[in-house]
C-alpha atoms as a PDB file:
ATOM      1  CA  MET A   1       2.203  23.385 -18.370  1.00  0.00           C
ATOM      2  CA  PRO A   2       1.117  19.962 -19.627  1.00  0.00           C
ATOM      3  CA  PHE A   3      -2.071  18.418 -18.287  1.00  0.00           C
ATOM      4  CA  ARG A   4      -0.173  15.468 -16.805  1.00  0.00           C
ATOM      5  CA  ASP A   5       1.862  17.794 -14.560  1.00  0.00           C
ATOM      6  CA  SER A   6      -1.281  19.386 -13.181  1.00  0.00           C
ATOM      7  CA  LEU A   7      -2.578  16.004 -11.981  1.00  0.00           C
ATOM      8  CA  GLN A   8       0.394  15.286  -9.733  1.00  0.00           C
ATOM      9  CA  PRO A   9       0.084  17.106  -6.408  1.00  0.00           C
ATOM     10  CA  ASP A  10       2.974  19.236  -5.276  1.00  0.00           C
ATOM     11  CA  THR A  11       3.782  17.671  -1.902  1.00  0.00           C
ATOM     12  CA  ARG A  12       5.800  20.698  -0.832  1.00  0.00           C
ATOM     13  CA  TYR A  13       2.489  22.041   0.493  1.00  0.00           C
ATOM     14  CA  LEU A  14       2.580  19.398   3.204  1.00  0.00           C
ATOM     15  CA  THR A  15       6.200  19.937   4.218  1.00  0.00           C
ATOM     16  CA  ASP A  16       6.621  23.712   4.139  1.00  0.00           C
ATOM     17  CA  GLY A  17       3.298  24.683   5.746  1.00  0.00           C
ATOM     18  CA  SER A  18       1.717  26.053   2.573  1.00  0.00           C
ATOM     19  CA  LEU A  19      -1.593  24.424   3.469  1.00  0.00           C
ATOM     20  CA  PHE A  20      -2.057  27.383   5.828  1.00  0.00           C
ATOM     21  CA  HIS A  21      -1.544  30.243   3.364  1.00  0.00           C
ATOM     22  CA  GLY A  22      -1.807  30.997  -0.314  1.00  0.00           C
ATOM     23  CA  TYR A  23      -4.018  29.814  -3.134  1.00  0.00           C
ATOM     24  CA  PHE A  24      -4.325  26.514  -4.959  1.00  0.00           C
ATOM     25  CA  TYR A  25      -5.052  26.505  -8.681  1.00  0.00           C
ATOM     26  CA  GLN A  26      -3.802  23.125  -9.941  1.00  0.00           C
ATOM     27  CA  TYR A  27      -5.976  20.038  -9.910  1.00  0.00           C
ATOM     28  CA  GLY A  28      -3.633  17.951  -7.771  1.00  0.00           C
ATOM     29  CA  ASP A  29      -3.009  20.711  -5.243  1.00  0.00           C
ATOM     30  CA  ILE A  30      -6.717  21.324  -4.683  1.00  0.00           C
ATOM     31  CA  TRP A  31      -7.273  17.582  -4.328  1.00  0.00           C
ATOM     32  CA  LEU A  32      -4.429  17.290  -1.819  1.00  0.00           C
ATOM     33  CA  ALA A  33      -5.640  20.165   0.361  1.00  0.00           C
ATOM     34  CA  ILE A  34      -9.233  18.937   0.617  1.00  0.00           C
ATOM     35  CA  THR A  35      -8.285  15.279   1.076  1.00  0.00           C
ATOM     36  CA  PHE A  36      -5.713  16.152   3.746  1.00  0.00           C
ATOM     37  CA  TRP A  37      -8.141  18.084   5.920  1.00  0.00           C
ATOM     38  CA  CYS A  38     -10.941  15.559   5.485  1.00  0.00           C
ATOM     39  CA  THR A  39      -8.554  12.773   6.501  1.00  0.00           C
ATOM     40  CA  VAL A  40      -7.248  14.659   9.544  1.00  0.00           C
ATOM     41  CA  VAL A  41     -10.709  15.479  10.911  1.00  0.00           C
ATOM     42  CA  THR A  42     -12.097  12.003  10.220  1.00  0.00           C
ATOM     43  CA  THR A  43      -9.095  10.313  11.847  1.00  0.00           C
ATOM     44  CA  ILE A  44      -9.328  12.471  14.966  1.00  0.00           C
ATOM     45  CA  SER A  45     -13.053  11.884  15.342  1.00  0.00           C
ATOM     46  CA  TYR A  46     -12.699   8.122  14.917  1.00  0.00           C
ATOM     47  CA  LEU A  47      -9.794   8.146  17.393  1.00  0.00           C
ATOM     48  CA  ILE A  48     -12.002   9.895  19.955  1.00  0.00           C
ATOM     49  CA  SER A  49     -14.789   7.381  19.371  1.00  0.00           C
ATOM     50  CA  GLY A  50     -12.201   4.615  19.802  1.00  0.00           C
ATOM     51  CA  PHE A  51     -11.181   6.011  23.183  1.00  0.00           C
ATOM     52  CA  VAL A  52     -14.837   6.113  24.230  1.00  0.00           C
ATOM     53  CA  ALA A  53     -15.333   2.511  23.090  1.00  0.00           C
ATOM     54  CA  SER A  54     -12.138   1.460  24.866  1.00  0.00           C
ATOM     55  CA  PHE A  55     -13.360   3.052  28.081  1.00  0.00           C
ATOM     56  CA  VAL A  56     -16.761   1.380  27.805  1.00  0.00           C
ATOM     57  CA  LEU A  57     -15.211  -2.018  27.028  1.00  0.00           C
ATOM     58  CA  LYS A  58     -12.358  -1.689  29.520  1.00  0.00           C
ATOM     59  CA  LYS A  59     -12.702  -5.281  30.755  1.00  0.00           C
ATOM     60  CA  SER A  60     -11.923  -6.679  27.322  1.00  0.00           C
ATOM     61  CA  LYS A  61      -8.378  -7.752  26.565  1.00  0.00           C
ATOM     62  CA  PHE A  62      -8.582  -5.907  23.216  1.00  0.00           C
ATOM     63  CA  SER A  63      -9.647  -2.565  24.682  1.00  0.00           C
ATOM     64  CA  PRO A  64      -6.167  -0.941  24.506  1.00  0.00           C
ATOM     65  CA  PHE A  65      -6.077  -1.588  20.754  1.00  0.00           C
ATOM     66  CA  ILE A  66      -9.530  -0.242  19.894  1.00  0.00           C
ATOM     67  CA  PRO A  67      -8.386   3.403  19.439  1.00  0.00           C
ATOM     68  CA  ILE A  68      -5.575   2.289  17.127  1.00  0.00           C
ATOM     69  CA  PHE A  69      -7.909   0.270  14.929  1.00  0.00           C
ATOM     70  CA  THR A  70     -10.601   2.943  14.832  1.00  0.00           C
ATOM     71  CA  ALA A  71      -8.019   5.608  13.963  1.00  0.00           C
ATOM     72  CA  MET A  72      -6.710   3.478  11.096  1.00  0.00           C
ATOM     73  CA  TYR A  73     -10.277   2.880   9.932  1.00  0.00           C
ATOM     74  CA  GLY A  74     -11.008   6.613  10.145  1.00  0.00           C
ATOM     75  CA  MET A  75      -7.884   7.386   8.152  1.00  0.00           C
ATOM     76  CA  ALA A  76      -8.900   4.924   5.434  1.00  0.00           C
ATOM     77  CA  ILE A  77     -12.391   6.411   5.304  1.00  0.00           C
ATOM     78  CA  GLY A  78     -10.981   9.940   5.186  1.00  0.00           C
ATOM     79  CA  ILE A  79      -8.652   9.097   2.322  1.00  0.00           C
ATOM     80  CA  CYS A  80     -11.291   7.248   0.309  1.00  0.00           C
ATOM     81  CA  TYR A  81     -14.302   9.468   1.004  1.00  0.00           C
ATOM     82  CA  GLY A  82     -12.300  12.695   1.030  1.00  0.00           C
ATOM     83  CA  GLY A  83     -10.359  11.666  -2.063  1.00  0.00           C
ATOM     84  CA  ILE A  84     -13.440  10.915  -4.130  1.00  0.00           C
ATOM     85  CA  SER A  85     -15.226  14.069  -3.008  1.00  0.00           C
ATOM     86  CA  ALA A  86     -12.096  16.143  -3.565  1.00  0.00           C
ATOM     87  CA  LEU A  87     -11.857  14.813  -7.137  1.00  0.00           C
ATOM     88  CA  ILE A  88     -15.279  16.280  -7.875  1.00  0.00           C
ATOM     89  CA  LEU A  89     -14.566  19.574  -6.126  1.00  0.00           C
ATOM     90  CA  SER A  90     -11.171  19.865  -7.842  1.00  0.00           C
ATOM     91  CA  ALA A  91     -12.759  19.303 -11.233  1.00  0.00           C
ATOM     92  CA  ILE A  92     -15.278  22.070 -10.532  1.00  0.00           C
ATOM     93  CA  TYR A  93     -12.613  24.511  -9.371  1.00  0.00           C
ATOM     94  CA  VAL A  94     -10.239  23.792 -12.264  1.00  0.00           C
ATOM     95  CA  SER A  95     -12.902  23.815 -14.984  1.00  0.00           C
ATOM     96  CA  GLY A  96     -14.320  27.061 -13.632  1.00  0.00           C
ATOM     97  CA  SER A  97     -10.821  28.613 -13.331  1.00  0.00           C
ATOM     98  CA  PHE A  98     -11.421  29.362  -9.656  1.00  0.00           C
ATOM     99  CA  LEU A  99      -8.717  29.674  -7.038  1.00  0.00           C
ATOM    100  CA  LEU A 100      -9.048  27.698  -3.817  1.00  0.00           C
ATOM    101  CA  SER A 101      -7.667  29.665  -0.893  1.00  0.00           C
ATOM    102  CA  TRP A 102      -6.160  27.846   2.058  1.00  0.00           C
ATOM    103  CA  TYR A 103      -9.128  28.416   4.379  1.00  0.00           C
ATOM    104  CA  GLN A 104     -11.601  27.215   1.736  1.00  0.00           C
ATOM    105  CA  GLY A 105      -9.644  23.964   1.588  1.00  0.00           C
ATOM    106  CA  ILE A 106      -9.997  23.614   5.349  1.00  0.00           C
ATOM    107  CA  ILE A 107     -13.721  24.421   5.198  1.00  0.00           C
ATOM    108  CA  CYS A 108     -14.315  21.898   2.401  1.00  0.00           C
ATOM    109  CA  GLY A 109     -12.334  19.156   4.151  1.00  0.00           C
ATOM    110  CA  VAL A 110     -13.926  19.729   7.547  1.00  0.00           C
ATOM    111  CA  GLY A 111     -17.384  20.034   5.980  1.00  0.00           C
ATOM    112  CA  LEU A 112     -16.985  16.738   4.137  1.00  0.00           C
ATOM    113  CA  ALA A 113     -15.820  15.041   7.320  1.00  0.00           C
ATOM    114  CA  ILE A 114     -18.757  16.417   9.321  1.00  0.00           C
ATOM    115  CA  LEU A 115     -21.159  15.309   6.603  1.00  0.00           C
ATOM    116  CA  HIS A 116     -19.707  11.798   6.690  1.00  0.00           C
ATOM    117  CA  LEU A 117     -19.815  11.681  10.493  1.00  0.00           C
ATOM    118  CA  LEU A 118     -23.452  12.773  10.512  1.00  0.00           C
ATOM    119  CA  PHE A 119     -24.336   9.995   8.103  1.00  0.00           C
ATOM    120  CA  ALA A 120     -22.180   7.399   9.896  1.00  0.00           C
ATOM    121  CA  PHE A 121     -23.208   8.024  13.491  1.00  0.00           C
ATOM    122  CA  THR A 122     -26.915   8.741  12.872  1.00  0.00           C
ATOM    123  CA  GLN A 123     -27.479   5.862  10.482  1.00  0.00           C
ATOM    124  CA  GLY A 124     -30.077   4.176  12.688  1.00  0.00           C
ATOM    125  CA  LYS A 125     -32.113   7.358  13.069  1.00  0.00           C
ATOM    126  CA  LEU A 126     -32.133   8.158   9.357  1.00  0.00           C
ATOM    127  CA  GLN A 127     -33.514   4.792   8.239  1.00  0.00           C
ATOM    128  CA  VAL A 128     -37.058   4.764   6.970  1.00  0.00           C
END
């Protein structure tokens, strides 16, 4: 298989449920699995924080739209942050000839999202 083919993710994993079983061994597939789960968890957490902000600011005329904007922002962060981190993890897995099982992809994606959320929501407490 040429190197160029290994860089393009096989999107069948998203449509046939293969993100929940099997192993990933190609660069693009590992990247897709980790980025997907990081994006899902980050989007859900930002959506929840948007609902909380909407409830707190319920007298504002923009309060119904806050969850939509925060979810879109969370999705953008998940794609960017998860994508860059997944590039590094994919390179490690491919260069080491390791297989990424489906649950390791979930653990990596959720772990990256939790790490980002810890840094994002505790930013004031971590400043020196």
